[in-house]
């Protein structure tokens, strides 16, 4: 897998995942929506750490510096 996420994109993804987790933990969001948002947060964290987003590849988007 080629990396296609830049540092800013990674920071935004991981920060959004943390915000979602805090909202669910504080019970601002509950029920089925909480589970959906936690799944989204998990995807954001995983893609942020491995620096690869399949949707970006599908659309040809690169936010990192090309070699």
C-alpha atoms as a PDB file:
ATOM      1  CA  UNK A   1       0.000   0.000   0.000  1.00  0.00           C
ATOM      2  CA  UNK A   2       1.296   3.384  -0.964  1.00  0.00           C
ATOM      3  CA  UNK A   3       0.791   6.096   1.590  1.00  0.00           C
ATOM      4  CA  UNK A   4      -1.687   8.732   0.481  1.00  0.00           C
ATOM      5  CA  UNK A   5      -2.356  10.719   3.683  1.00  0.00           C
ATOM      6  CA  UNK A   6      -0.326  13.746   4.689  1.00  0.00           C
ATOM      7  CA  UNK A   7       0.429  14.805   8.246  1.00  0.00           C
ATOM      8  CA  UNK A   8      -2.356  17.403   8.390  1.00  0.00           C
ATOM      9  CA  UNK A   9      -4.906  14.898   7.149  1.00  0.00           C
ATOM     10  CA  UNK A  10      -3.725  12.343   9.714  1.00  0.00           C
ATOM     11  CA  UNK A  11      -3.986  14.894  12.523  1.00  0.00           C
ATOM     12  CA  UNK A  12      -7.520  15.875  11.497  1.00  0.00           C
ATOM     13  CA  UNK A  13      -8.643  12.233  11.290  1.00  0.00           C
ATOM     14  CA  UNK A  14      -7.225  11.255  14.668  1.00  0.00           C
ATOM     15  CA  UNK A  15      -8.559  14.440  16.306  1.00  0.00           C
ATOM     16  CA  UNK A  16     -12.035  13.800  14.888  1.00  0.00           C
ATOM     17  CA  UNK A  17     -11.915  10.242  16.234  1.00  0.00           C
ATOM     18  CA  UNK A  18     -10.983  11.524  19.692  1.00  0.00           C
ATOM     19  CA  UNK A  19     -13.848  14.046  19.627  1.00  0.00           C
ATOM     20  CA  UNK A  20     -16.294  11.307  18.623  1.00  0.00           C
ATOM     21  CA  UNK A  21     -15.029   9.035  21.393  1.00  0.00           C
ATOM     22  CA  UNK A  22     -15.429  11.820  23.975  1.00  0.00           C
ATOM     23  CA  UNK A  23     -18.985  12.549  22.807  1.00  0.00           C
ATOM     24  CA  UNK A  24     -19.929   8.897  23.117  1.00  0.00           C
ATOM     25  CA  UNK A  25     -18.181   8.524  26.487  1.00  0.00           C
ATOM     26  CA  UNK A  26     -19.925  11.643  27.839  1.00  0.00           C
ATOM     27  CA  UNK A  27     -23.222  10.191  26.579  1.00  0.00           C
ATOM     28  CA  UNK A  28     -23.949  13.168  24.371  1.00  0.00           C
ATOM     29  CA  UNK A  29     -24.581  10.647  21.614  1.00  0.00           C
ATOM     30  CA  UNK A  30     -26.298   7.410  22.613  1.00  0.00           C
ATOM     31  CA  UNK A  31     -28.015   4.392  21.139  1.00  0.00           C
ATOM     32  CA  UNK A  32     -27.418   3.144  17.620  1.00  0.00           C
ATOM     33  CA  UNK A  33     -25.869   6.432  16.544  1.00  0.00           C
ATOM     34  CA  UNK A  34     -23.166   6.000  19.158  1.00  0.00           C
ATOM     35  CA  UNK A  35     -22.241   2.618  17.691  1.00  0.00           C
ATOM     36  CA  UNK A  36     -22.166   4.015  14.160  1.00  0.00           C
ATOM     37  CA  UNK A  37     -19.979   6.927  15.232  1.00  0.00           C
ATOM     38  CA  UNK A  38     -17.618   4.616  17.110  1.00  0.00           C
ATOM     39  CA  UNK A  39     -17.226   2.527  13.952  1.00  0.00           C
ATOM     40  CA  UNK A  40     -16.450   5.695  11.988  1.00  0.00           C
ATOM     41  CA  UNK A  41     -13.956   6.740  14.660  1.00  0.00           C
ATOM     42  CA  UNK A  42     -12.252   3.347  14.446  1.00  0.00           C
ATOM     43  CA  UNK A  43     -11.890   3.689  10.677  1.00  0.00           C
ATOM     44  CA  UNK A  44     -10.488   7.200  11.080  1.00  0.00           C
ATOM     45  CA  UNK A  45      -7.914   6.032  13.626  1.00  0.00           C
ATOM     46  CA  UNK A  46      -6.851   3.035  11.543  1.00  0.00           C
ATOM     47  CA  UNK A  47      -6.483   5.031   8.334  1.00  0.00           C
ATOM     48  CA  UNK A  48      -4.685   7.786  10.229  1.00  0.00           C
ATOM     49  CA  UNK A  49      -2.098   5.423  11.676  1.00  0.00           C
ATOM     50  CA  UNK A  50      -1.435   3.399   8.536  1.00  0.00           C
ATOM     51  CA  UNK A  51      -1.433   6.565   6.377  1.00  0.00           C
ATOM     52  CA  UNK A  52      -3.624   4.978   3.725  1.00  0.00           C
ATOM     53  CA  UNK A  53      -7.238   5.671   2.773  1.00  0.00           C
ATOM     54  CA  UNK A  54      -8.867   3.338   0.223  1.00  0.00           C
ATOM     55  CA  UNK A  55     -11.376   6.008  -0.825  1.00  0.00           C
ATOM     56  CA  UNK A  56      -8.573   8.456  -1.555  1.00  0.00           C
ATOM     57  CA  UNK A  57      -6.925   5.853  -3.771  1.00  0.00           C
ATOM     58  CA  UNK A  58     -10.198   5.204  -5.567  1.00  0.00           C
ATOM     59  CA  UNK A  59     -10.574   8.899  -6.392  1.00  0.00           C
ATOM     60  CA  UNK A  60      -6.845   9.532  -6.964  1.00  0.00           C
ATOM     61  CA  UNK A  61      -6.435  11.917  -4.037  1.00  0.00           C
ATOM     62  CA  UNK A  62      -3.050  12.312  -2.364  1.00  0.00           C
ATOM     63  CA  UNK A  63      -2.552  14.662   0.571  1.00  0.00           C
ATOM     64  CA  UNK A  64       1.037  13.602   1.173  1.00  0.00           C
ATOM     65  CA  UNK A  65       4.111  14.729  -0.689  1.00  0.00           C
ATOM     66  CA  UNK A  66       4.742  12.571  -3.729  1.00  0.00           C
ATOM     67  CA  UNK A  67       8.251  11.142  -3.996  1.00  0.00           C
END
